[in-house]
Amino acid sequence: MALTHAAVPDAVMWDWHYGMWDDGHMTGWGLWGWGMMLFGLLWMALIIGLPIYLVYWLVARSQTDGPAEDRALGALREQYARGEIDDEEFERRRGRLTANR
């Protein structure tokens, strides 16, 4: 500060409009301040939101049933367990269901 006082007279230093001391880039938020704040919020939303979305997507994906053949095979097993079909019928139907895999 002493070097500044020696180089610039007091009246000019404190009355310097649109410069460093009076409503310039060192005071207030200005356009750059708000832009940096919004950019920071965007990054925080991305860093926090992306993992939350990925976890949600993985949980929702794992809760859905598999392909239709798996449900059909499950229904076939239930019929076999209840005794509605015999061994030969079960093997024949299971062979059809698993042939495409």
PDB file of N, CA and C in Angstrom:
ATOM      1  N   MET A   1       0.827  -1.180   0.000  1.00  0.00           N
ATOM      2  CA  MET A   1       0.000   0.000   0.000  1.00  0.00           C
ATOM      3  C   MET A   1       0.872   1.245   0.000  1.00  0.00           C
ATOM      4  N   ALA A   2       1.987   1.201   0.674  1.00  0.00           N
ATOM      5  CA  ALA A   2       2.876   2.364   0.714  1.00  0.00           C
ATOM      6  C   ALA A   2       3.432   2.646  -0.662  1.00  0.00           C
ATOM      7  N   LEU A   3       3.749   1.626  -1.404  1.00  0.00           N
ATOM      8  CA  LEU A   3       4.269   1.820  -2.751  1.00  0.00           C
ATOM      9  C   LEU A   3       3.196   2.437  -3.651  1.00  0.00           C
ATOM     10  N   THR A   4       1.955   2.042  -3.471  1.00  0.00           N
ATOM     11  CA  THR A   4       0.864   2.611  -4.250  1.00  0.00           C
ATOM     12  C   THR A   4       0.671   4.085  -3.913  1.00  0.00           C
ATOM     13  N   HIS A   5       0.738   4.446  -2.645  1.00  0.00           N
ATOM     14  CA  HIS A   5       0.597   5.846  -2.242  1.00  0.00           C
ATOM     15  C   HIS A   5       1.721   6.701  -2.815  1.00  0.00           C
ATOM     16  N   ALA A   6       2.878   6.129  -2.912  1.00  0.00           N
ATOM     17  CA  ALA A   6       4.010   6.894  -3.429  1.00  0.00           C
ATOM     18  C   ALA A   6       3.884   7.093  -4.928  1.00  0.00           C
ATOM     19  N   ALA A   7       3.315   6.113  -5.631  1.00  0.00           N
ATOM     20  CA  ALA A   7       3.248   6.191  -7.088  1.00  0.00           C
ATOM     21  C   ALA A   7       2.020   6.946  -7.572  1.00  0.00           C
ATOM     22  N   VAL A   8       0.888   6.857  -6.831  1.00  0.00           N
ATOM     23  CA  VAL A   8      -0.357   7.470  -7.280  1.00  0.00           C
ATOM     24  C   VAL A   8      -0.839   8.425  -6.192  1.00  0.00           C
ATOM     25  N   PRO A   9      -1.167   9.647  -6.548  1.00  0.00           N
ATOM     26  CA  PRO A   9      -1.686  10.575  -5.534  1.00  0.00           C
ATOM     27  C   PRO A   9      -2.991  10.065  -4.940  1.00  0.00           C
ATOM     28  N   ASP A  10      -3.269  10.457  -3.698  1.00  0.00           N
ATOM     29  CA  ASP A  10      -4.454   9.987  -2.984  1.00  0.00           C
ATOM     30  C   ASP A  10      -5.752  10.295  -3.709  1.00  0.00           C
ATOM     31  N   ALA A  11      -5.892  11.463  -4.255  1.00  0.00           N
ATOM     32  CA  ALA A  11      -7.135  11.851  -4.907  1.00  0.00           C
ATOM     33  C   ALA A  11      -7.417  10.965  -6.106  1.00  0.00           C
ATOM     34  N   VAL A  12      -6.407  10.604  -6.842  1.00  0.00           N
ATOM     35  CA  VAL A  12      -6.605   9.760  -8.021  1.00  0.00           C
ATOM     36  C   VAL A  12      -6.868   8.316  -7.608  1.00  0.00           C
ATOM     37  N   MET A  13      -6.188   7.827  -6.589  1.00  0.00           N
ATOM     38  CA  MET A  13      -6.328   6.440  -6.195  1.00  0.00           C
ATOM     39  C   MET A  13      -7.730   6.118  -5.679  1.00  0.00           C
ATOM     40  N   TRP A  14      -8.299   6.952  -4.862  1.00  0.00           N
ATOM     41  CA  TRP A  14      -9.590   6.653  -4.273  1.00  0.00           C
ATOM     42  C   TRP A  14     -10.754   7.127  -5.137  1.00  0.00           C
ATOM     43  N   ASP A  15     -10.491   7.837  -6.183  1.00  0.00           N
ATOM     44  CA  ASP A  15     -11.549   8.324  -7.056  1.00  0.00           C
ATOM     45  C   ASP A  15     -11.465   7.653  -8.433  1.00  0.00           C
ATOM     46  N   TRP A  16     -10.830   6.551  -8.503  1.00  0.00           N
ATOM     47  CA  TRP A  16     -10.603   5.847  -9.775  1.00  0.00           C
ATOM     48  C   TRP A  16     -11.866   5.055 -10.107  1.00  0.00           C
ATOM     49  N   HIS A  17     -12.681   5.566 -10.992  1.00  0.00           N
ATOM     50  CA  HIS A  17     -13.943   4.923 -11.337  1.00  0.00           C
ATOM     51  C   HIS A  17     -13.722   3.793 -12.326  1.00  0.00           C
ATOM     52  N   TYR A  18     -14.541   2.773 -12.184  1.00  0.00           N
ATOM     53  CA  TYR A  18     -14.492   1.580 -13.034  1.00  0.00           C
ATOM     54  C   TYR A  18     -13.123   0.920 -12.992  1.00  0.00           C
ATOM     55  N   GLY A  19     -12.468   1.069 -11.916  1.00  0.00           N
ATOM     56  CA  GLY A  19     -11.170   0.436 -11.758  1.00  0.00           C
ATOM     57  C   GLY A  19     -11.211  -0.545 -10.617  1.00  0.00           C
ATOM     58  N   MET A  20     -10.089  -0.704  -9.991  1.00  0.00           N
ATOM     59  CA  MET A  20      -9.962  -1.710  -8.974  1.00  0.00           C
ATOM     60  C   MET A  20     -10.641  -1.306  -7.672  1.00  0.00           C
ATOM     61  N   TRP A  21     -10.750  -0.026  -7.360  1.00  0.00           N
ATOM     62  CA  TRP A  21     -11.202   0.380  -6.039  1.00  0.00           C
ATOM     63  C   TRP A  21     -12.680   0.748  -5.989  1.00  0.00           C
ATOM     64  N   ASP A  22     -13.240   1.210  -7.058  1.00  0.00           N
ATOM     65  CA  ASP A  22     -14.605   1.728  -7.005  1.00  0.00           C
ATOM     66  C   ASP A  22     -15.475   0.980  -8.005  1.00  0.00           C
ATOM     67  N   ASP A  23     -16.209   0.001  -7.520  1.00  0.00           N
ATOM     68  CA  ASP A  23     -17.160  -0.747  -8.339  1.00  0.00           C
ATOM     69  C   ASP A  23     -16.485  -1.439  -9.519  1.00  0.00           C
ATOM     70  N   GLY A  24     -15.304  -1.914  -9.313  1.00  0.00           N
ATOM     71  CA  GLY A  24     -14.578  -2.576 -10.395  1.00  0.00           C
ATOM     72  C   GLY A  24     -14.565  -4.075 -10.205  1.00  0.00           C
ATOM     73  N   HIS A  25     -13.529  -4.698 -10.665  1.00  0.00           N
ATOM     74  CA  HIS A  25     -13.488  -6.153 -10.632  1.00  0.00           C
ATOM     75  C   HIS A  25     -13.171  -6.714  -9.254  1.00  0.00           C
ATOM     76  N   MET A  26     -12.837  -5.891  -8.308  1.00  0.00           N
ATOM     77  CA  MET A  26     -12.529  -6.380  -6.974  1.00  0.00           C
ATOM     78  C   MET A  26     -13.722  -6.307  -6.026  1.00  0.00           C
ATOM     79  N   THR A  27     -14.806  -5.655  -6.426  1.00  0.00           N
ATOM     80  CA  THR A  27     -15.948  -5.506  -5.532  1.00  0.00           C
ATOM     81  C   THR A  27     -17.193  -6.079  -6.178  1.00  0.00           C
ATOM     82  N   GLY A  28     -18.106  -6.537  -5.366  1.00  0.00           N
ATOM     83  CA  GLY A  28     -19.394  -7.027  -5.871  1.00  0.00           C
ATOM     84  C   GLY A  28     -19.264  -8.337  -6.629  1.00  0.00           C
ATOM     85  N   TRP A  29     -20.416  -8.881  -7.001  1.00  0.00           N
ATOM     86  CA  TRP A  29     -20.419 -10.138  -7.739  1.00  0.00           C
ATOM     87  C   TRP A  29     -20.156  -9.910  -9.212  1.00  0.00           C
ATOM     88  N   GLY A  30     -20.847  -8.984  -9.803  1.00  0.00           N
ATOM     89  CA  GLY A  30     -20.656  -8.740 -11.224  1.00  0.00           C
ATOM     90  C   GLY A  30     -21.096  -9.933 -12.052  1.00  0.00           C
ATOM     91  N   LEU A  31     -20.935  -9.831 -13.328  1.00  0.00           N
ATOM     92  CA  LEU A  31     -21.325 -10.904 -14.241  1.00  0.00           C
ATOM     93  C   LEU A  31     -20.482 -12.153 -14.025  1.00  0.00           C
ATOM     94  N   TRP A  32     -19.200 -11.993 -13.846  1.00  0.00           N
ATOM     95  CA  TRP A  32     -18.320 -13.157 -13.679  1.00  0.00           C
ATOM     96  C   TRP A  32     -18.617 -13.893 -12.383  1.00  0.00           C
ATOM     97  N   GLY A  33     -18.945 -13.159 -11.345  1.00  0.00           N
ATOM     98  CA  GLY A  33     -19.254 -13.807 -10.067  1.00  0.00           C
ATOM     99  C   GLY A  33     -20.486 -14.681 -10.155  1.00  0.00           C
ATOM    100  N   TRP A  34     -21.560 -14.173 -10.743  1.00  0.00           N
ATOM    101  CA  TRP A  34     -22.782 -14.971 -10.896  1.00  0.00           C
ATOM    102  C   TRP A  34     -22.556 -16.133 -11.852  1.00  0.00           C
ATOM    103  N   GLY A  35     -21.810 -15.897 -12.909  1.00  0.00           N
ATOM    104  CA  GLY A  35     -21.530 -16.971 -13.862  1.00  0.00           C
ATOM    105  C   GLY A  35     -20.743 -18.100 -13.223  1.00  0.00           C
ATOM    106  N   MET A  36     -19.747 -17.724 -12.408  1.00  0.00           N
ATOM    107  CA  MET A  36     -18.963 -18.754 -11.730  1.00  0.00           C
ATOM    108  C   MET A  36     -19.809 -19.505 -10.713  1.00  0.00           C
ATOM    109  N   MET A  37     -20.713 -18.799 -10.037  1.00  0.00           N
ATOM    110  CA  MET A  37     -21.576 -19.459  -9.070  1.00  0.00           C
ATOM    111  C   MET A  37     -22.505 -20.453  -9.778  1.00  0.00           C
ATOM    112  N   LEU A  38     -23.100 -20.049 -10.884  1.00  0.00           N
ATOM    113  CA  LEU A  38     -23.990 -20.946 -11.620  1.00  0.00           C
ATOM    114  C   LEU A  38     -23.223 -22.127 -12.199  1.00  0.00           C
ATOM    115  N   PHE A  39     -22.007 -21.880 -12.675  1.00  0.00           N
ATOM    116  CA  PHE A  39     -21.173 -22.957 -13.191  1.00  0.00           C
ATOM    117  C   PHE A  39     -20.823 -23.939 -12.081  1.00  0.00           C
ATOM    118  N   GLY A  40     -20.544 -23.422 -10.891  1.00  0.00           N
ATOM    119  CA  GLY A  40     -20.270 -24.293  -9.750  1.00  0.00           C
ATOM    120  C   GLY A  40     -21.482 -25.112  -9.359  1.00  0.00           C
ATOM    121  N   LEU A  41     -22.654 -24.500  -9.380  1.00  0.00           N
ATOM    122  CA  LEU A  41     -23.877 -25.241  -9.077  1.00  0.00           C
ATOM    123  C   LEU A  41     -24.140 -26.332 -10.106  1.00  0.00           C
ATOM    124  N   LEU A  42     -23.848 -26.040 -11.362  1.00  0.00           N
ATOM    125  CA  LEU A  42     -24.004 -27.036 -12.415  1.00  0.00           C
ATOM    126  C   LEU A  42     -23.097 -28.234 -12.152  1.00  0.00           C
ATOM    127  N   TRP A  43     -21.854 -27.977 -11.811  1.00  0.00           N
ATOM    128  CA  TRP A  43     -20.930 -29.070 -11.532  1.00  0.00           C
ATOM    129  C   TRP A  43     -21.345 -29.861 -10.297  1.00  0.00           C
ATOM    130  N   MET A  44     -21.818 -29.164  -9.258  1.00  0.00           N
ATOM    131  CA  MET A  44     -22.282 -29.883  -8.072  1.00  0.00           C
ATOM    132  C   MET A  44     -23.481 -30.761  -8.404  1.00  0.00           C
ATOM    133  N   ALA A  45     -24.406 -30.235  -9.196  1.00  0.00           N
ATOM    134  CA  ALA A  45     -25.570 -31.032  -9.593  1.00  0.00           C
ATOM    135  C   ALA A  45     -25.138 -32.242 -10.403  1.00  0.00           C
ATOM    136  N   LEU A  46     -24.151 -32.069 -11.261  1.00  0.00           N
ATOM    137  CA  LEU A  46     -23.660 -33.171 -12.081  1.00  0.00           C
ATOM    138  C   LEU A  46     -22.945 -34.205 -11.222  1.00  0.00           C
ATOM    139  N   ILE A  47     -22.104 -33.751 -10.316  1.00  0.00           N
ATOM    140  CA  ILE A  47     -21.331 -34.668  -9.478  1.00  0.00           C
ATOM    141  C   ILE A  47     -22.236 -35.412  -8.502  1.00  0.00           C
ATOM    142  N   ILE A  48     -23.270 -34.762  -7.997  1.00  0.00           N
ATOM    143  CA  ILE A  48     -24.175 -35.410  -7.048  1.00  0.00           C
ATOM    144  C   ILE A  48     -25.298 -36.137  -7.784  1.00  0.00           C
ATOM    145  N   GLY A  49     -25.844 -35.531  -8.817  1.00  0.00           N
ATOM    146  CA  GLY A  49     -27.003 -36.089  -9.504  1.00  0.00           C
ATOM    147  C   GLY A  49     -26.696 -37.313 -10.349  1.00  0.00           C
ATOM    148  N   LEU A  50     -25.553 -37.335 -11.003  1.00  0.00           N
ATOM    149  CA  LEU A  50     -25.224 -38.464 -11.879  1.00  0.00           C
ATOM    150  C   LEU A  50     -25.096 -39.779 -11.101  1.00  0.00           C
ATOM    151  N   PRO A  51     -24.357 -39.830  -9.992  1.00  0.00           N
ATOM    152  CA  PRO A  51     -24.326 -41.094  -9.242  1.00  0.00           C
ATOM    153  C   PRO A  51     -25.692 -41.502  -8.681  1.00  0.00           C
ATOM    154  N   ILE A  52     -26.485 -40.534  -8.241  1.00  0.00           N
ATOM    155  CA  ILE A  52     -27.821 -40.862  -7.734  1.00  0.00           C
ATOM    156  C   ILE A  52     -28.670 -41.461  -8.848  1.00  0.00           C
ATOM    157  N   TYR A  53     -28.602 -40.877 -10.044  1.00  0.00           N
ATOM    158  CA  TYR A  53     -29.362 -41.408 -11.167  1.00  0.00           C
ATOM    159  C   TYR A  53     -28.876 -42.810 -11.545  1.00  0.00           C
ATOM    160  N   LEU A  54     -27.562 -43.025 -11.553  1.00  0.00           N
ATOM    161  CA  LEU A  54     -27.038 -44.343 -11.908  1.00  0.00           C
ATOM    162  C   LEU A  54     -27.476 -45.412 -10.900  1.00  0.00           C
ATOM    163  N   VAL A  55     -27.456 -45.089  -9.623  1.00  0.00           N
ATOM    164  CA  VAL A  55     -27.914 -46.044  -8.609  1.00  0.00           C
ATOM    165  C   VAL A  55     -29.405 -46.330  -8.804  1.00  0.00           C
ATOM    166  N   TYR A  56     -30.197 -45.288  -9.023  1.00  0.00           N
ATOM    167  CA  TYR A  56     -31.631 -45.473  -9.265  1.00  0.00           C
ATOM    168  C   TYR A  56     -31.856 -46.356 -10.490  1.00  0.00           C
ATOM    169  N   TRP A  57     -31.113 -46.103 -11.551  1.00  0.00           N
ATOM    170  CA  TRP A  57     -31.276 -46.871 -12.791  1.00  0.00           C
ATOM    171  C   TRP A  57     -30.908 -48.334 -12.572  1.00  0.00           C
ATOM    172  N   LEU A  58     -29.811 -48.587 -11.854  1.00  0.00           N
ATOM    173  CA  LEU A  58     -29.405 -49.967 -11.605  1.00  0.00           C
ATOM    174  C   LEU A  58     -30.397 -50.697 -10.711  1.00  0.00           C
ATOM    175  N   VAL A  59     -30.923 -50.026  -9.693  1.00  0.00           N
ATOM    176  CA  VAL A  59     -31.901 -50.661  -8.801  1.00  0.00           C
ATOM    177  C   VAL A  59     -33.191 -50.954  -9.562  1.00  0.00           C
ATOM    178  N   ALA A  60     -33.655 -49.991 -10.350  1.00  0.00           N
ATOM    179  CA  ALA A  60     -34.889 -50.200 -11.116  1.00  0.00           C
ATOM    180  C   ALA A  60     -34.706 -51.307 -12.143  1.00  0.00           C
ATOM    181  N   ARG A  61     -33.516 -51.390 -12.715  1.00  0.00           N
ATOM    182  CA  ARG A  61     -33.252 -52.413 -13.730  1.00  0.00           C
ATOM    183  C   ARG A  61     -33.209 -53.801 -13.098  1.00  0.00           C
ATOM    184  N   SER A  62     -32.643 -53.906 -11.894  1.00  0.00           N
ATOM    185  CA  SER A  62     -32.530 -55.220 -11.261  1.00  0.00           C
ATOM    186  C   SER A  62     -33.873 -55.705 -10.715  1.00  0.00           C
ATOM    187  N   GLN A  63     -34.800 -54.800 -10.445  1.00  0.00           N
ATOM    188  CA  GLN A  63     -36.090 -55.199  -9.898  1.00  0.00           C
ATOM    189  C   GLN A  63     -37.049 -55.711 -10.965  1.00  0.00           C
ATOM    190  N   THR A  64     -36.816 -55.373 -12.211  1.00  0.00           N
ATOM    191  CA  THR A  64     -37.696 -55.867 -13.268  1.00  0.00           C
ATOM    192  C   THR A  64     -37.396 -57.328 -13.533  1.00  0.00           C
ATOM    193  N   ASP A  65     -38.408 -58.029 -13.951  1.00  0.00           N
ATOM    194  CA  ASP A  65     -38.209 -59.432 -14.291  1.00  0.00           C
ATOM    195  C   ASP A  65     -37.364 -59.537 -15.544  1.00  0.00           C
ATOM    196  N   GLY A  66     -36.767 -60.686 -15.718  1.00  0.00           N
ATOM    197  CA  GLY A  66     -35.944 -60.926 -16.882  1.00  0.00           C
ATOM    198  C   GLY A  66     -36.795 -61.081 -18.132  1.00  0.00           C
ATOM    199  N   PRO A  67     -36.246 -61.679 -19.139  1.00  0.00           N
ATOM    200  CA  PRO A  67     -37.001 -61.882 -20.379  1.00  0.00           C
ATOM    201  C   PRO A  67     -38.242 -62.747 -20.171  1.00  0.00           C
ATOM    202  N   ALA A  68     -39.098 -62.751 -21.168  1.00  0.00           N
ATOM    203  CA  ALA A  68     -40.362 -63.494 -21.076  1.00  0.00           C
ATOM    204  C   ALA A  68     -40.128 -64.990 -20.903  1.00  0.00           C
ATOM    205  N   GLU A  69     -39.022 -65.525 -21.430  1.00  0.00           N
ATOM    206  CA  GLU A  69     -38.750 -66.957 -21.297  1.00  0.00           C
ATOM    207  C   GLU A  69     -38.558 -67.327 -19.826  1.00  0.00           C
ATOM    208  N   ASP A  70     -37.931 -66.448 -19.061  1.00  0.00           N
ATOM    209  CA  ASP A  70     -37.717 -66.746 -17.638  1.00  0.00           C
ATOM    210  C   ASP A  70     -39.052 -66.830 -16.900  1.00  0.00           C
ATOM    211  N   ARG A  71     -39.959 -65.945 -17.216  1.00  0.00           N
ATOM    212  CA  ARG A  71     -41.284 -66.009 -16.580  1.00  0.00           C
ATOM    213  C   ARG A  71     -42.038 -67.250 -17.032  1.00  0.00           C
ATOM    214  N   ALA A  72     -41.898 -67.588 -18.301  1.00  0.00           N
ATOM    215  CA  ALA A  72     -42.575 -68.779 -18.813  1.00  0.00           C
ATOM    216  C   ALA A  72     -41.993 -70.039 -18.183  1.00  0.00           C
ATOM    217  N   LEU A  73     -40.683 -70.055 -18.005  1.00  0.00           N
ATOM    218  CA  LEU A  73     -40.051 -71.206 -17.369  1.00  0.00           C
ATOM    219  C   LEU A  73     -40.468 -71.303 -15.904  1.00  0.00           C
ATOM    220  N   GLY A  74     -40.616 -70.163 -15.254  1.00  0.00           N
ATOM    221  CA  GLY A  74     -41.086 -70.161 -13.869  1.00  0.00           C
ATOM    222  C   GLY A  74     -42.510 -70.701 -13.767  1.00  0.00           C
ATOM    223  N   ALA A  75     -43.355 -70.289 -14.708  1.00  0.00           N
ATOM    224  CA  ALA A  75     -44.733 -70.796 -14.714  1.00  0.00           C
ATOM    225  C   ALA A  75     -44.752 -72.294 -14.983  1.00  0.00           C
ATOM    226  N   LEU A  76     -43.862 -72.745 -15.864  1.00  0.00           N
ATOM    227  CA  LEU A  76     -43.777 -74.182 -16.169  1.00  0.00           C
ATOM    228  C   LEU A  76     -43.336 -74.967 -14.934  1.00  0.00           C
ATOM    229  N   ARG A  77     -42.388 -74.432 -14.215  1.00  0.00           N
ATOM    230  CA  ARG A  77     -41.933 -75.095 -12.986  1.00  0.00           C
ATOM    231  C   ARG A  77     -43.057 -75.154 -11.945  1.00  0.00           C
ATOM    232  N   GLU A  78     -43.848 -74.090 -11.870  1.00  0.00           N
ATOM    233  CA  GLU A  78     -44.979 -74.102 -10.925  1.00  0.00           C
ATOM    234  C   GLU A  78     -46.005 -75.166 -11.312  1.00  0.00           C
ATOM    235  N   GLN A  79     -46.286 -75.294 -12.614  1.00  0.00           N
ATOM    236  CA  GLN A  79     -47.221 -76.336 -13.063  1.00  0.00           C
ATOM    237  C   GLN A  79     -46.684 -77.720 -12.717  1.00  0.00           C
ATOM    238  N   TYR A  80     -45.385 -77.897 -12.911  1.00  0.00           N
ATOM    239  CA  TYR A  80     -44.768 -79.191 -12.610  1.00  0.00           C
ATOM    240  C   TYR A  80     -44.812 -79.465 -11.110  1.00  0.00           C
ATOM    241  N   ALA A  81     -44.573 -78.448 -10.319  1.00  0.00           N
ATOM    242  CA  ALA A  81     -44.576 -78.617  -8.866  1.00  0.00           C
ATOM    243  C   ALA A  81     -45.975 -78.929  -8.349  1.00  0.00           C
ATOM    244  N   ARG A  82     -46.986 -78.361  -8.971  1.00  0.00           N
ATOM    245  CA  ARG A  82     -48.364 -78.650  -8.549  1.00  0.00           C
ATOM    246  C   ARG A  82     -48.854 -79.997  -9.069  1.00  0.00           C
ATOM    247  N   GLY A  83     -48.092 -80.616  -9.959  1.00  0.00           N
ATOM    248  CA  GLY A  83     -48.476 -81.925 -10.496  1.00  0.00           C
ATOM    249  C   GLY A  83     -49.411 -81.837 -11.682  1.00  0.00           C
ATOM    250  N   GLU A  84     -49.543 -80.670 -12.285  1.00  0.00           N
ATOM    251  CA  GLU A  84     -50.442 -80.514 -13.427  1.00  0.00           C
ATOM    252  C   GLU A  84     -49.867 -81.137 -14.692  1.00  0.00           C
ATOM    253  N   ILE A  85     -48.534 -81.245 -14.784  1.00  0.00           N
ATOM    254  CA  ILE A  85     -47.900 -81.877 -15.952  1.00  0.00           C
ATOM    255  C   ILE A  85     -46.918 -82.931 -15.452  1.00  0.00           C
ATOM    256  N   ASP A  86     -46.653 -83.915 -16.293  1.00  0.00           N
ATOM    257  CA  ASP A  86     -45.731 -84.981 -15.886  1.00  0.00           C
ATOM    258  C   ASP A  86     -44.300 -84.647 -16.326  1.00  0.00           C
ATOM    259  N   ASP A  87     -43.377 -85.586 -16.053  1.00  0.00           N
ATOM    260  CA  ASP A  87     -41.962 -85.362 -16.341  1.00  0.00           C
ATOM    261  C   ASP A  87     -41.710 -85.139 -17.829  1.00  0.00           C
ATOM    262  N   GLU A  88     -42.324 -85.975 -18.664  1.00  0.00           N
ATOM    263  CA  GLU A  88     -42.091 -85.879 -20.110  1.00  0.00           C
ATOM    264  C   GLU A  88     -42.581 -84.547 -20.665  1.00  0.00           C
ATOM    265  N   GLU A  89     -43.764 -84.110 -20.239  1.00  0.00           N
ATOM    266  CA  GLU A  89     -44.311 -82.832 -20.699  1.00  0.00           C
ATOM    267  C   GLU A  89     -43.433 -81.664 -20.220  1.00  0.00           C
ATOM    268  N   PHE A  90     -42.971 -81.760 -18.979  1.00  0.00           N
ATOM    269  CA  PHE A  90     -42.105 -80.708 -18.448  1.00  0.00           C
ATOM    270  C   PHE A  90     -40.826 -80.608 -19.268  1.00  0.00           C
ATOM    271  N   GLU A  91     -40.177 -81.734 -19.546  1.00  0.00           N
ATOM    272  CA  GLU A  91     -38.919 -81.725 -20.310  1.00  0.00           C
ATOM    273  C   GLU A  91     -39.136 -81.230 -21.743  1.00  0.00           C
ATOM    274  N   ARG A  92     -40.240 -81.605 -22.352  1.00  0.00           N
ATOM    275  CA  ARG A  92     -40.533 -81.173 -23.717  1.00  0.00           C
ATOM    276  C   ARG A  92     -40.721 -79.656 -23.775  1.00  0.00           C
ATOM    277  N   ARG A  93     -41.511 -79.116 -22.848  1.00  0.00           N
ATOM    278  CA  ARG A  93     -41.760 -77.667 -22.832  1.00  0.00           C
ATOM    279  C   ARG A  93     -40.497 -76.889 -22.436  1.00  0.00           C
ATOM    280  N   ARG A  94     -39.752 -77.423 -21.473  1.00  0.00           N
ATOM    281  CA  ARG A  94     -38.525 -76.746 -21.063  1.00  0.00           C
ATOM    282  C   ARG A  94     -37.520 -76.716 -22.215  1.00  0.00           C
ATOM    283  N   GLY A  95     -37.471 -77.800 -22.985  1.00  0.00           N
ATOM    284  CA  GLY A  95     -36.590 -77.838 -24.146  1.00  0.00           C
ATOM    285  C   GLY A  95     -36.940 -76.770 -25.172  1.00  0.00           C
ATOM    286  N   ARG A  96     -38.226 -76.537 -25.395  1.00  0.00           N
ATOM    287  CA  ARG A  96     -38.647 -75.479 -26.325  1.00  0.00           C
ATOM    288  C   ARG A  96     -38.282 -74.090 -25.810  1.00  0.00           C
ATOM    289  N   LEU A  97     -38.493 -73.902 -24.512  1.00  0.00           N
ATOM    290  CA  LEU A  97     -38.223 -72.585 -23.943  1.00  0.00           C
ATOM    291  C   LEU A  97     -36.733 -72.238 -23.914  1.00  0.00           C
ATOM    292  N   THR A  98     -35.903 -73.240 -23.681  1.00  0.00           N
ATOM    293  CA  THR A  98     -34.463 -72.965 -23.568  1.00  0.00           C
ATOM    294  C   THR A  98     -33.717 -73.171 -24.867  1.00  0.00           C
ATOM    295  N   ALA A  99     -34.365 -73.586 -25.927  1.00  0.00           N
ATOM    296  CA  ALA A  99     -33.685 -73.832 -27.217  1.00  0.00           C
ATOM    297  C   ALA A  99     -33.162 -72.544 -27.833  1.00  0.00           C
ATOM    298  N   ASN A 100     -33.815 -71.423 -27.601  1.00  0.00           N
ATOM    299  CA  ASN A 100     -33.414 -70.171 -28.234  1.00  0.00           C
ATOM    300  C   ASN A 100     -32.255 -69.468 -27.514  1.00  0.00           C
ATOM    301  N   ARG A 101     -31.848 -69.970 -26.389  1.00  0.00           N
ATOM    302  CA  ARG A 101     -30.791 -69.314 -25.603  1.00  0.00           C
ATOM    303  C   ARG A 101     -29.443 -69.652 -26.099  1.00  0.00           C
TER     304      ARG A 101
END
